[in-house]
Amino acid sequence: MAQQCSTEIQRNPTHILKIVLRDERGAPVGRASLVIIVNESNVRPYGLLEDVFVSEALRGQGLGTQLVEKIVQLAREERCYKLIATSRHSRPRVHELYRTLGFQDHGREFRMDFPA
C-alpha cells in the first residue's frame, strides 16, 4: 500500500518575456515567448521557448530566425542553464531552423491536452 503524503502547493509568479515584431504600421507580424522556470535541482533557471509565430505572408524572410535568436539571447541574459524548444512532428522546416541555430534533438515531448 502506498504511503500517504501531504501535498503542498506553492505558487510563484510566472516569468514570461515576450517579443513582438511589428510592421511599419505597427501591426504585429511575429511573436515569441521565453518562459523562465525555476528548478530547485539547479541553482539557475531554465527557459522554454514558446509561442513562436510569424505571419504566413512574411514567412521565409528570416523573421522567425530573428525571434528565436532574440529568445536565445534573453535566455542567456537570464542565466538559464538550458533552453527547451518543442515542435510538432509535422514541422520539419521549424526543426531545421532550430538545428541551424544550435538546438539539438534531445528527446521527446509528451503532452496531455485538457478541454476548455
PDB file of N, CA and C in Angstrom:
ATOM      1  N   MET A   1       0.839  -1.180   0.000  1.00  0.00           N
ATOM      2  CA  MET A   1       0.000   0.000   0.000  1.00  0.00           C
ATOM      3  C   MET A   1       0.884   1.242   0.000  1.00  0.00           C
ATOM      4  N   ALA A   2       0.543   2.224  -0.815  1.00  0.00           N
ATOM      5  CA  ALA A   2       1.314   3.460  -0.910  1.00  0.00           C
ATOM      6  C   ALA A   2       1.159   4.284   0.359  1.00  0.00           C
ATOM      7  N   GLN A   3       2.264   4.870   0.778  1.00  0.00           N
ATOM      8  CA  GLN A   3       2.251   5.720   1.965  1.00  0.00           C
ATOM      9  C   GLN A   3       1.520   7.019   1.650  1.00  0.00           C
ATOM     10  N   GLN A   4       0.711   7.512   2.564  1.00  0.00           N
ATOM     11  CA  GLN A   4       0.012   8.778   2.396  1.00  0.00           C
ATOM     12  C   GLN A   4       0.971   9.924   2.682  1.00  0.00           C
ATOM     13  N   CYS A   5       1.021  10.880   1.802  1.00  0.00           N
ATOM     14  CA  CYS A   5       1.876  12.049   1.978  1.00  0.00           C
ATOM     15  C   CYS A   5       1.014  13.289   1.838  1.00  0.00           C
ATOM     16  N   SER A   6       1.372  14.325   2.543  1.00  0.00           N
ATOM     17  CA  SER A   6       0.641  15.581   2.390  1.00  0.00           C
ATOM     18  C   SER A   6       1.162  16.301   1.149  1.00  0.00           C
ATOM     19  N   THR A   7       0.348  17.131   0.589  1.00  0.00           N
ATOM     20  CA  THR A   7       0.703  17.880  -0.610  1.00  0.00           C
ATOM     21  C   THR A   7       0.694  19.361  -0.293  1.00  0.00           C
ATOM     22  N   GLU A   8       1.757  20.024  -0.677  1.00  0.00           N
ATOM     23  CA  GLU A   8       1.853  21.477  -0.508  1.00  0.00           C
ATOM     24  C   GLU A   8       1.977  22.093  -1.891  1.00  0.00           C
ATOM     25  N   ILE A   9       1.167  23.062  -2.186  1.00  0.00           N
ATOM     26  CA  ILE A   9       1.227  23.757  -3.473  1.00  0.00           C
ATOM     27  C   ILE A   9       1.786  25.145  -3.229  1.00  0.00           C
ATOM     28  N   GLN A  10       2.865  25.458  -3.911  1.00  0.00           N
ATOM     29  CA  GLN A  10       3.466  26.779  -3.807  1.00  0.00           C
ATOM     30  C   GLN A  10       3.304  27.483  -5.140  1.00  0.00           C
ATOM     31  N   ARG A  11       2.776  28.678  -5.116  1.00  0.00           N
ATOM     32  CA  ARG A  11       2.579  29.444  -6.358  1.00  0.00           C
ATOM     33  C   ARG A  11       3.605  30.561  -6.438  1.00  0.00           C
ATOM     34  N   ASN A  12       4.304  30.586  -7.556  1.00  0.00           N
ATOM     35  CA  ASN A  12       5.256  31.654  -7.824  1.00  0.00           C
ATOM     36  C   ASN A  12       4.799  32.374  -9.084  1.00  0.00           C
ATOM     37  N   PRO A  13       5.028  33.665  -9.150  1.00  0.00           N
ATOM     38  CA  PRO A  13       4.625  34.369 -10.378  1.00  0.00           C
ATOM     39  C   PRO A  13       5.382  33.809 -11.578  1.00  0.00           C
ATOM     40  N   THR A  14       4.692  33.605 -12.660  1.00  0.00           N
ATOM     41  CA  THR A  14       5.316  33.109 -13.890  1.00  0.00           C
ATOM     42  C   THR A  14       6.164  34.214 -14.486  1.00  0.00           C
ATOM     43  N   HIS A  15       7.325  33.861 -14.922  1.00  0.00           N
ATOM     44  CA  HIS A  15       8.236  34.819 -15.515  1.00  0.00           C
ATOM     45  C   HIS A  15       8.236  34.588 -17.021  1.00  0.00           C
ATOM     46  N   ILE A  16       7.584  35.461 -17.733  1.00  0.00           N
ATOM     47  CA  ILE A  16       7.495  35.325 -19.185  1.00  0.00           C
ATOM     48  C   ILE A  16       8.007  36.604 -19.837  1.00  0.00           C
ATOM     49  N   LEU A  17       8.906  36.442 -20.784  1.00  0.00           N
ATOM     50  CA  LEU A  17       9.385  37.554 -21.593  1.00  0.00           C
ATOM     51  C   LEU A  17       8.826  37.349 -22.995  1.00  0.00           C
ATOM     52  N   LYS A  18       8.151  38.342 -23.538  1.00  0.00           N
ATOM     53  CA  LYS A  18       7.525  38.206 -24.847  1.00  0.00           C
ATOM     54  C   LYS A  18       8.125  39.216 -25.813  1.00  0.00           C
ATOM     55  N   ILE A  19       8.411  38.752 -27.016  1.00  0.00           N
ATOM     56  CA  ILE A  19       8.924  39.604 -28.086  1.00  0.00           C
ATOM     57  C   ILE A  19       7.831  39.705 -29.142  1.00  0.00           C
ATOM     58  N   VAL A  20       7.578  40.903 -29.617  1.00  0.00           N
ATOM     59  CA  VAL A  20       6.591  41.109 -30.680  1.00  0.00           C
ATOM     60  C   VAL A  20       7.271  41.891 -31.798  1.00  0.00           C
ATOM     61  N   LEU A  21       7.226  41.348 -33.013  1.00  0.00           N
ATOM     62  CA  LEU A  21       7.700  42.078 -34.200  1.00  0.00           C
ATOM     63  C   LEU A  21       6.514  42.808 -34.809  1.00  0.00           C
ATOM     64  N   ARG A  22       6.721  44.057 -35.180  1.00  0.00           N
ATOM     65  CA  ARG A  22       5.650  44.861 -35.778  1.00  0.00           C
ATOM     66  C   ARG A  22       6.089  45.384 -37.147  1.00  0.00           C
ATOM     67  N   ASP A  23       5.125  45.507 -38.050  1.00  0.00           N
ATOM     68  CA  ASP A  23       5.432  46.068 -39.370  1.00  0.00           C
ATOM     69  C   ASP A  23       5.471  47.586 -39.273  1.00  0.00           C
ATOM     70  N   GLU A  24       5.665  48.238 -40.423  1.00  0.00           N
ATOM     71  CA  GLU A  24       5.807  49.703 -40.436  1.00  0.00           C
ATOM     72  C   GLU A  24       4.554  50.437 -39.957  1.00  0.00           C
ATOM     73  N   ARG A  25       3.400  49.786 -39.979  1.00  0.00           N
ATOM     74  CA  ARG A  25       2.156  50.395 -39.480  1.00  0.00           C
ATOM     75  C   ARG A  25       1.952  50.126 -37.993  1.00  0.00           C
ATOM     76  N   GLY A  26       2.821  49.306 -37.420  1.00  0.00           N
ATOM     77  CA  GLY A  26       2.681  48.971 -36.004  1.00  0.00           C
ATOM     78  C   GLY A  26       1.879  47.709 -35.745  1.00  0.00           C
ATOM     79  N   ALA A  27       1.454  47.046 -36.811  1.00  0.00           N
ATOM     80  CA  ALA A  27       0.681  45.807 -36.652  1.00  0.00           C
ATOM     81  C   ALA A  27       1.619  44.651 -36.310  1.00  0.00           C
ATOM     82  N   PRO A  28       1.236  43.780 -35.377  1.00  0.00           N
ATOM     83  CA  PRO A  28       2.096  42.635 -35.040  1.00  0.00           C
ATOM     84  C   PRO A  28       2.175  41.651 -36.196  1.00  0.00           C
ATOM     85  N   VAL A  29       3.398  41.197 -36.503  1.00  0.00           N
ATOM     86  CA  VAL A  29       3.603  40.232 -37.585  1.00  0.00           C
ATOM     87  C   VAL A  29       4.360  38.993 -37.108  1.00  0.00           C
ATOM     88  N   GLY A  30       4.832  39.014 -35.878  1.00  0.00           N
ATOM     89  CA  GLY A  30       5.550  37.869 -35.327  1.00  0.00           C
ATOM     90  C   GLY A  30       5.655  37.989 -33.820  1.00  0.00           C
ATOM     91  N   ARG A  31       5.858  36.840 -33.181  1.00  0.00           N
ATOM     92  CA  ARG A  31       5.994  36.850 -31.724  1.00  0.00           C
ATOM     93  C   ARG A  31       6.710  35.586 -31.265  1.00  0.00           C
ATOM     94  N   ALA A  32       7.256  35.662 -30.070  1.00  0.00           N
ATOM     95  CA  ALA A  32       7.863  34.513 -29.403  1.00  0.00           C
ATOM     96  C   ALA A  32       7.936  34.834 -27.922  1.00  0.00           C
ATOM     97  N   SER A  33       7.887  33.804 -27.106  1.00  0.00           N
ATOM     98  CA  SER A  33       7.945  33.993 -25.659  1.00  0.00           C
ATOM     99  C   SER A  33       9.021  33.107 -25.049  1.00  0.00           C
ATOM    100  N   LEU A  34       9.601  33.616 -23.978  1.00  0.00           N
ATOM    101  CA  LEU A  34      10.539  32.859 -23.167  1.00  0.00           C
ATOM    102  C   LEU A  34       9.924  32.721 -21.787  1.00  0.00           C
ATOM    103  N   VAL A  35       9.670  31.490 -21.384  1.00  0.00           N
ATOM    104  CA  VAL A  35       9.149  31.222 -20.048  1.00  0.00           C
ATOM    105  C   VAL A  35      10.338  30.793 -19.198  1.00  0.00           C
ATOM    106  N   ILE A  36      10.569  31.501 -18.102  1.00  0.00           N
ATOM    107  CA  ILE A  36      11.664  31.190 -17.190  1.00  0.00           C
ATOM    108  C   ILE A  36      11.120  30.273 -16.103  1.00  0.00           C
ATOM    109  N   ILE A  37      11.751  29.114 -15.939  1.00  0.00           N
ATOM    110  CA  ILE A  37      11.263  28.105 -14.995  1.00  0.00           C
ATOM    111  C   ILE A  37      12.341  27.836 -13.952  1.00  0.00           C
ATOM    112  N   VAL A  38      11.954  28.007 -12.702  1.00  0.00           N
ATOM    113  CA  VAL A  38      12.877  27.736 -11.594  1.00  0.00           C
ATOM    114  C   VAL A  38      12.841  26.246 -11.308  1.00  0.00           C
ATOM    115  N   ASN A  39      14.017  25.667 -11.241  1.00  0.00           N
ATOM    116  CA  ASN A  39      14.155  24.243 -10.992  1.00  0.00           C
ATOM    117  C   ASN A  39      15.025  24.099  -9.751  1.00  0.00           C
ATOM    118  N   GLU A  40      14.457  23.632  -8.673  1.00  0.00           N
ATOM    119  CA  GLU A  40      15.198  23.587  -7.415  1.00  0.00           C
ATOM    120  C   GLU A  40      16.387  22.639  -7.424  1.00  0.00           C
ATOM    121  N   SER A  41      16.492  21.783  -8.435  1.00  0.00           N
ATOM    122  CA  SER A  41      17.651  20.892  -8.505  1.00  0.00           C
ATOM    123  C   SER A  41      18.839  21.576  -9.178  1.00  0.00           C
ATOM    124  N   ASN A  42      18.670  22.819  -9.620  1.00  0.00           N
ATOM    125  CA  ASN A  42      19.742  23.574 -10.233  1.00  0.00           C
ATOM    126  C   ASN A  42      19.678  25.000  -9.695  1.00  0.00           C
ATOM    127  N   VAL A  43      20.833  25.602  -9.502  1.00  0.00           N
ATOM    128  CA  VAL A  43      20.886  26.961  -8.979  1.00  0.00           C
ATOM    129  C   VAL A  43      20.304  27.954  -9.983  1.00  0.00           C
ATOM    130  N   ARG A  44      20.462  27.649 -11.261  1.00  0.00           N
ATOM    131  CA  ARG A  44      19.987  28.547 -12.312  1.00  0.00           C
ATOM    132  C   ARG A  44      18.668  28.036 -12.892  1.00  0.00           C
ATOM    133  N   PRO A  45      17.841  28.933 -13.421  1.00  0.00           N
ATOM    134  CA  PRO A  45      16.587  28.511 -14.045  1.00  0.00           C
ATOM    135  C   PRO A  45      16.837  27.959 -15.445  1.00  0.00           C
ATOM    136  N   TYR A  46      15.788  27.412 -16.024  1.00  0.00           N
ATOM    137  CA  TYR A  46      15.870  27.052 -17.442  1.00  0.00           C
ATOM    138  C   TYR A  46      14.771  27.776 -18.189  1.00  0.00           C
ATOM    139  N   GLY A  47      14.919  27.813 -19.508  1.00  0.00           N
ATOM    140  CA  GLY A  47      13.974  28.542 -20.336  1.00  0.00           C
ATOM    141  C   GLY A  47      13.210  27.621 -21.254  1.00  0.00           C
ATOM    142  N   LEU A  48      11.990  28.030 -21.551  1.00  0.00           N
ATOM    143  CA  LEU A  48      11.144  27.331 -22.507  1.00  0.00           C
ATOM    144  C   LEU A  48      10.771  28.325 -23.598  1.00  0.00           C
ATOM    145  N   LEU A  49      11.188  28.031 -24.822  1.00  0.00           N
ATOM    146  CA  LEU A  49      10.812  28.827 -25.990  1.00  0.00           C
ATOM    147  C   LEU A  49       9.382  28.447 -26.343  1.00  0.00           C
ATOM    148  N   GLU A  50       8.510  29.425 -26.397  1.00  0.00           N
ATOM    149  CA  GLU A  50       7.084  29.139 -26.560  1.00  0.00           C
ATOM    150  C   GLU A  50       6.452  30.139 -27.513  1.00  0.00           C
ATOM    151  N   ASP A  51       5.412  29.701 -28.210  1.00  0.00           N
ATOM    152  CA  ASP A  51       4.542  30.584 -29.000  1.00  0.00           C
ATOM    153  C   ASP A  51       5.283  31.343 -30.093  1.00  0.00           C
ATOM    154  N   VAL A  52       6.162  30.655 -30.828  1.00  0.00           N
ATOM    155  CA  VAL A  52       6.847  31.299 -31.951  1.00  0.00           C
ATOM    156  C   VAL A  52       5.873  31.342 -33.123  1.00  0.00           C
ATOM    157  N   PHE A  53       5.674  32.540 -33.667  1.00  0.00           N
ATOM    158  CA  PHE A  53       4.731  32.711 -34.772  1.00  0.00           C
ATOM    159  C   PHE A  53       5.196  33.856 -35.660  1.00  0.00           C
ATOM    160  N   VAL A  54       5.103  33.634 -36.984  1.00  0.00           N
ATOM    161  CA  VAL A  54       5.333  34.677 -37.974  1.00  0.00           C
ATOM    162  C   VAL A  54       4.149  34.636 -38.935  1.00  0.00           C
ATOM    163  N   SER A  55       3.624  35.809 -39.281  1.00  0.00           N
ATOM    164  CA  SER A  55       2.515  35.887 -40.229  1.00  0.00           C
ATOM    165  C   SER A  55       2.852  35.103 -41.490  1.00  0.00           C
ATOM    166  N   GLU A  56       1.880  34.374 -41.979  1.00  0.00           N
ATOM    167  CA  GLU A  56       2.103  33.493 -43.125  1.00  0.00           C
ATOM    168  C   GLU A  56       2.694  34.226 -44.323  1.00  0.00           C
ATOM    169  N   ALA A  57       2.234  35.435 -44.585  1.00  0.00           N
ATOM    170  CA  ALA A  57       2.711  36.199 -45.747  1.00  0.00           C
ATOM    171  C   ALA A  57       4.183  36.597 -45.623  1.00  0.00           C
ATOM    172  N   LEU A  58       4.734  36.570 -44.414  1.00  0.00           N
ATOM    173  CA  LEU A  58       6.114  37.020 -44.199  1.00  0.00           C
ATOM    174  C   LEU A  58       7.073  35.886 -43.872  1.00  0.00           C
ATOM    175  N   ARG A  59       6.604  34.664 -43.915  1.00  0.00           N
ATOM    176  CA  ARG A  59       7.472  33.526 -43.605  1.00  0.00           C
ATOM    177  C   ARG A  59       8.538  33.364 -44.678  1.00  0.00           C
ATOM    178  N   GLY A  60       9.697  32.830 -44.273  1.00  0.00           N
ATOM    179  CA  GLY A  60      10.797  32.612 -45.210  1.00  0.00           C
ATOM    180  C   GLY A  60      11.672  33.830 -45.391  1.00  0.00           C
ATOM    181  N   GLN A  61      11.436  34.890 -44.635  1.00  0.00           N
ATOM    182  CA  GLN A  61      12.222  36.124 -44.757  1.00  0.00           C
ATOM    183  C   GLN A  61      13.178  36.341 -43.586  1.00  0.00           C
ATOM    184  N   GLY A  62      13.307  35.338 -42.711  1.00  0.00           N
ATOM    185  CA  GLY A  62      14.254  35.448 -41.615  1.00  0.00           C
ATOM    186  C   GLY A  62      13.684  35.989 -40.316  1.00  0.00           C
ATOM    187  N   LEU A  63      12.397  36.294 -40.282  1.00  0.00           N
ATOM    188  CA  LEU A  63      11.808  36.844 -39.065  1.00  0.00           C
ATOM    189  C   LEU A  63      11.777  35.816 -37.940  1.00  0.00           C
ATOM    190  N   GLY A  64      11.472  34.570 -38.260  1.00  0.00           N
ATOM    191  CA  GLY A  64      11.477  33.510 -37.255  1.00  0.00           C
ATOM    192  C   GLY A  64      12.867  33.328 -36.668  1.00  0.00           C
ATOM    193  N   THR A  65      13.872  33.407 -37.525  1.00  0.00           N
ATOM    194  CA  THR A  65      15.256  33.316 -37.058  1.00  0.00           C
ATOM    195  C   THR A  65      15.561  34.457 -36.097  1.00  0.00           C
ATOM    196  N   GLN A  66      15.154  35.670 -36.446  1.00  0.00           N
ATOM    197  CA  GLN A  66      15.374  36.826 -35.560  1.00  0.00           C
ATOM    198  C   GLN A  66      14.722  36.610 -34.201  1.00  0.00           C
ATOM    199  N   LEU A  67      13.485  36.120 -34.224  1.00  0.00           N
ATOM    200  CA  LEU A  67      12.767  35.898 -32.971  1.00  0.00           C
ATOM    201  C   LEU A  67      13.471  34.872 -32.090  1.00  0.00           C
ATOM    202  N   VAL A  68      13.832  33.740 -32.674  1.00  0.00           N
ATOM    203  CA  VAL A  68      14.468  32.681 -31.890  1.00  0.00           C
ATOM    204  C   VAL A  68      15.843  33.140 -31.400  1.00  0.00           C
ATOM    205  N   GLU A  69      16.605  33.829 -32.240  1.00  0.00           N
ATOM    206  CA  GLU A  69      17.906  34.340 -31.796  1.00  0.00           C
ATOM    207  C   GLU A  69      17.745  35.298 -30.619  1.00  0.00           C
ATOM    208  N   LYS A  70      16.722  36.131 -30.633  1.00  0.00           N
ATOM    209  CA  LYS A  70      16.486  37.063 -29.523  1.00  0.00           C
ATOM    210  C   LYS A  70      16.111  36.299 -28.260  1.00  0.00           C
ATOM    211  N   ILE A  71      15.314  35.243 -28.396  1.00  0.00           N
ATOM    212  CA  ILE A  71      14.956  34.428 -27.228  1.00  0.00           C
ATOM    213  C   ILE A  71      16.203  33.761 -26.654  1.00  0.00           C
ATOM    214  N   VAL A  72      17.073  33.245 -27.516  1.00  0.00           N
ATOM    215  CA  VAL A  72      18.326  32.629 -27.056  1.00  0.00           C
ATOM    216  C   VAL A  72      19.152  33.659 -26.287  1.00  0.00           C
ATOM    217  N   GLN A  73      19.252  34.859 -26.819  1.00  0.00           N
ATOM    218  CA  GLN A  73      19.989  35.928 -26.146  1.00  0.00           C
ATOM    219  C   GLN A  73      19.372  36.235 -24.776  1.00  0.00           C
ATOM    220  N   LEU A  74      18.045  36.348 -24.719  1.00  0.00           N
ATOM    221  CA  LEU A  74      17.369  36.630 -23.452  1.00  0.00           C
ATOM    222  C   LEU A  74      17.579  35.501 -22.441  1.00  0.00           C
ATOM    223  N   ALA A  75      17.530  34.255 -22.911  1.00  0.00           N
ATOM    224  CA  ALA A  75      17.749  33.113 -22.012  1.00  0.00           C
ATOM    225  C   ALA A  75      19.157  33.170 -21.407  1.00  0.00           C
ATOM    226  N   ARG A  76      20.123  33.549 -22.208  1.00  0.00           N
ATOM    227  CA  ARG A  76      21.487  33.694 -21.685  1.00  0.00           C
ATOM    228  C   ARG A  76      21.564  34.839 -20.679  1.00  0.00           C
ATOM    229  N   GLU A  77      20.918  35.956 -21.005  1.00  0.00           N
ATOM    230  CA  GLU A  77      20.916  37.105 -20.093  1.00  0.00           C
ATOM    231  C   GLU A  77      20.231  36.757 -18.765  1.00  0.00           C
ATOM    232  N   GLU A  78      19.239  35.879 -18.815  1.00  0.00           N
ATOM    233  CA  GLU A  78      18.533  35.447 -17.604  1.00  0.00           C
ATOM    234  C   GLU A  78      19.280  34.339 -16.875  1.00  0.00           C
ATOM    235  N   ARG A  79      20.460  33.973 -17.390  1.00  0.00           N
ATOM    236  CA  ARG A  79      21.337  32.954 -16.800  1.00  0.00           C
ATOM    237  C   ARG A  79      20.719  31.547 -16.808  1.00  0.00           C
ATOM    238  N   CYS A  80      19.896  31.253 -17.802  1.00  0.00           N
ATOM    239  CA  CYS A  80      19.321  29.909 -17.915  1.00  0.00           C
ATOM    240  C   CYS A  80      20.432  28.902 -18.197  1.00  0.00           C
ATOM    241  N   TYR A  81      20.290  27.705 -17.632  1.00  0.00           N
ATOM    242  CA  TYR A  81      21.291  26.672 -17.904  1.00  0.00           C
ATOM    243  C   TYR A  81      20.927  25.845 -19.123  1.00  0.00           C
ATOM    244  N   LYS A  82      19.687  25.958 -19.583  1.00  0.00           N
ATOM    245  CA  LYS A  82      19.290  25.314 -20.827  1.00  0.00           C
ATOM    246  C   LYS A  82      18.062  26.041 -21.370  1.00  0.00           C
ATOM    247  N   LEU A  83      17.825  25.858 -22.660  1.00  0.00           N
ATOM    248  CA  LEU A  83      16.651  26.406 -23.330  1.00  0.00           C
ATOM    249  C   LEU A  83      15.995  25.264 -24.094  1.00  0.00           C
ATOM    250  N   ILE A  84      14.730  25.061 -23.854  1.00  0.00           N
ATOM    251  CA  ILE A  84      13.982  23.985 -24.493  1.00  0.00           C
ATOM    252  C   ILE A  84      13.055  24.576 -25.556  1.00  0.00           C
ATOM    253  N   ALA A  85      13.051  23.963 -26.727  1.00  0.00           N
ATOM    254  CA  ALA A  85      12.122  24.326 -27.794  1.00  0.00           C
ATOM    255  C   ALA A  85      11.406  23.051 -28.215  1.00  0.00           C
ATOM    256  N   THR A  86      10.101  23.102 -28.295  1.00  0.00           N
ATOM    257  CA  THR A  86       9.346  21.940 -28.750  1.00  0.00           C
ATOM    258  C   THR A  86       8.696  22.262 -30.090  1.00  0.00           C
ATOM    259  N   SER A  87       8.396  21.231 -30.840  1.00  0.00           N
ATOM    260  CA  SER A  87       7.775  21.412 -32.147  1.00  0.00           C
ATOM    261  C   SER A  87       7.053  20.127 -32.546  1.00  0.00           C
ATOM    262  N   ARG A  88       5.968  20.298 -33.249  1.00  0.00           N
ATOM    263  CA  ARG A  88       5.216  19.128 -33.724  1.00  0.00           C
ATOM    264  C   ARG A  88       6.019  18.378 -34.796  1.00  0.00           C
ATOM    265  N   HIS A  89       5.768  17.076 -34.896  1.00  0.00           N
ATOM    266  CA  HIS A  89       6.429  16.239 -35.902  1.00  0.00           C
ATOM    267  C   HIS A  89       6.196  16.772 -37.317  1.00  0.00           C
ATOM    268  N   SER A  90       5.071  17.423 -37.545  1.00  0.00           N
ATOM    269  CA  SER A  90       4.690  17.874 -38.882  1.00  0.00           C
ATOM    270  C   SER A  90       5.380  19.178 -39.301  1.00  0.00           C
ATOM    271  N   ARG A  91       6.377  19.642 -38.557  1.00  0.00           N
ATOM    272  CA  ARG A  91       7.017  20.933 -38.843  1.00  0.00           C
ATOM    273  C   ARG A  91       8.511  20.791 -39.152  1.00  0.00           C
ATOM    274  N   PRO A  92       8.893  20.033 -40.186  1.00  0.00           N
ATOM    275  CA  PRO A  92      10.324  19.804 -40.447  1.00  0.00           C
ATOM    276  C   PRO A  92      11.115  21.082 -40.719  1.00  0.00           C
ATOM    277  N   ARG A  93      10.493  22.111 -41.312  1.00  0.00           N
ATOM    278  CA  ARG A  93      11.221  23.368 -41.553  1.00  0.00           C
ATOM    279  C   ARG A  93      11.597  24.045 -40.234  1.00  0.00           C
ATOM    280  N   VAL A  94      10.697  23.957 -39.262  1.00  0.00           N
ATOM    281  CA  VAL A  94      10.984  24.523 -37.940  1.00  0.00           C
ATOM    282  C   VAL A  94      12.119  23.742 -37.282  1.00  0.00           C
ATOM    283  N   HIS A  95      12.087  22.414 -37.416  1.00  0.00           N
ATOM    284  CA  HIS A  95      13.142  21.577 -36.830  1.00  0.00           C
ATOM    285  C   HIS A  95      14.502  21.958 -37.415  1.00  0.00           C
ATOM    286  N   GLU A  96      14.539  22.160 -38.722  1.00  0.00           N
ATOM    287  CA  GLU A  96      15.790  22.530 -39.377  1.00  0.00           C
ATOM    288  C   GLU A  96      16.263  23.903 -38.886  1.00  0.00           C
ATOM    289  N   LEU A  97      15.346  24.842 -38.713  1.00  0.00           N
ATOM    290  CA  LEU A  97      15.713  26.156 -38.174  1.00  0.00           C
ATOM    291  C   LEU A  97      16.337  26.007 -36.800  1.00  0.00           C
ATOM    292  N   TYR A  98      15.701  25.236 -35.939  1.00  0.00           N
ATOM    293  CA  TYR A  98      16.235  25.045 -34.584  1.00  0.00           C
ATOM    294  C   TYR A  98      17.633  24.420 -34.627  1.00  0.00           C
ATOM    295  N   ARG A  99      17.828  23.411 -35.477  1.00  0.00           N
ATOM    296  CA  ARG A  99      19.152  22.789 -35.593  1.00  0.00           C
ATOM    297  C   ARG A  99      20.186  23.811 -36.077  1.00  0.00           C
ATOM    298  N   THR A 100      19.813  24.609 -37.074  1.00  0.00           N
ATOM    299  CA  THR A 100      20.704  25.627 -37.617  1.00  0.00           C
ATOM    300  C   THR A 100      21.129  26.620 -36.536  1.00  0.00           C
ATOM    301  N   LEU A 101      20.227  26.903 -35.600  1.00  0.00           N
ATOM    302  CA  LEU A 101      20.512  27.874 -34.541  1.00  0.00           C
ATOM    303  C   LEU A 101      21.201  27.252 -33.327  1.00  0.00           C
ATOM    304  N   GLY A 102      21.519  25.946 -33.399  1.00  0.00           N
ATOM    305  CA  GLY A 102      22.298  25.317 -32.349  1.00  0.00           C
ATOM    306  C   GLY A 102      21.540  24.403 -31.404  1.00  0.00           C
ATOM    307  N   PHE A 103      20.244  24.258 -31.590  1.00  0.00           N
ATOM    308  CA  PHE A 103      19.483  23.316 -30.765  1.00  0.00           C
ATOM    309  C   PHE A 103      19.818  21.894 -31.199  1.00  0.00           C
ATOM    310  N   GLN A 104      19.742  20.958 -30.257  1.00  0.00           N
ATOM    311  CA  GLN A 104      19.953  19.549 -30.548  1.00  0.00           C
ATOM    312  C   GLN A 104      18.659  18.789 -30.312  1.00  0.00           C
ATOM    313  N   ASP A 105      18.397  17.795 -31.149  1.00  0.00           N
ATOM    314  CA  ASP A 105      17.248  16.912 -30.933  1.00  0.00           C
ATOM    315  C   ASP A 105      17.594  16.056 -29.725  1.00  0.00           C
ATOM    316  N   HIS A 106      16.966  16.333 -28.608  1.00  0.00           N
ATOM    317  CA  HIS A 106      17.380  15.758 -27.333  1.00  0.00           C
ATOM    318  C   HIS A 106      16.413  14.718 -26.777  1.00  0.00           C
ATOM    319  N   GLY A 107      15.244  14.595 -27.346  1.00  0.00           N
ATOM    320  CA  GLY A 107      14.309  13.630 -26.773  1.00  0.00           C
ATOM    321  C   GLY A 107      12.921  13.767 -27.370  1.00  0.00           C
ATOM    322  N   ARG A 108      11.969  13.451 -26.562  1.00  0.00           N
ATOM    323  CA  ARG A 108      10.568  13.502 -26.977  1.00  0.00           C
ATOM    324  C   ARG A 108       9.773  14.386 -26.044  1.00  0.00           C
ATOM    325  N   GLU A 109       8.705  14.893 -26.576  1.00  0.00           N
ATOM    326  CA  GLU A 109       7.763  15.659 -25.760  1.00  0.00           C
ATOM    327  C   GLU A 109       6.516  14.813 -25.573  1.00  0.00           C
ATOM    328  N   PHE A 110       6.079  14.679 -24.365  1.00  0.00           N
ATOM    329  CA  PHE A 110       4.820  14.001 -24.084  1.00  0.00           C
ATOM    330  C   PHE A 110       3.837  15.052 -23.626  1.00  0.00           C
ATOM    331  N   ARG A 111       2.631  14.951 -24.094  1.00  0.00           N
ATOM    332  CA  ARG A 111       1.671  16.027 -23.905  1.00  0.00           C
ATOM    333  C   ARG A 111       0.322  15.476 -23.485  1.00  0.00           C
ATOM    334  N   MET A 112      -0.359  16.239 -22.665  1.00  0.00           N
ATOM    335  CA  MET A 112      -1.715  15.924 -22.256  1.00  0.00           C
ATOM    336  C   MET A 112      -2.547  17.184 -22.450  1.00  0.00           C
ATOM    337  N   ASP A 113      -3.524  17.135 -23.327  1.00  0.00           N
ATOM    338  CA  ASP A 113      -4.407  18.276 -23.570  1.00  0.00           C
ATOM    339  C   ASP A 113      -5.626  18.199 -22.655  1.00  0.00           C
ATOM    340  N   PHE A 114      -6.087  19.355 -22.207  1.00  0.00           N
ATOM    341  CA  PHE A 114      -7.270  19.433 -21.361  1.00  0.00           C
ATOM    342  C   PHE A 114      -8.360  20.217 -22.078  1.00  0.00           C
ATOM    343  N   PRO A 115      -9.610  19.781 -21.983  1.00  0.00           N
ATOM    344  CA  PRO A 115     -10.680  20.527 -22.655  1.00  0.00           C
ATOM    345  C   PRO A 115     -10.847  21.902 -22.027  1.00  0.00           C
ATOM    346  N   ALA A 116     -11.339  22.818 -22.824  1.00  0.00           N
ATOM    347  CA  ALA A 116     -11.544  24.206 -22.355  1.00  0.00           C
ATOM    348  C   ALA A 116     -12.611  24.279 -21.293  1.00  0.00           C
TER     349      ALA A 116
END
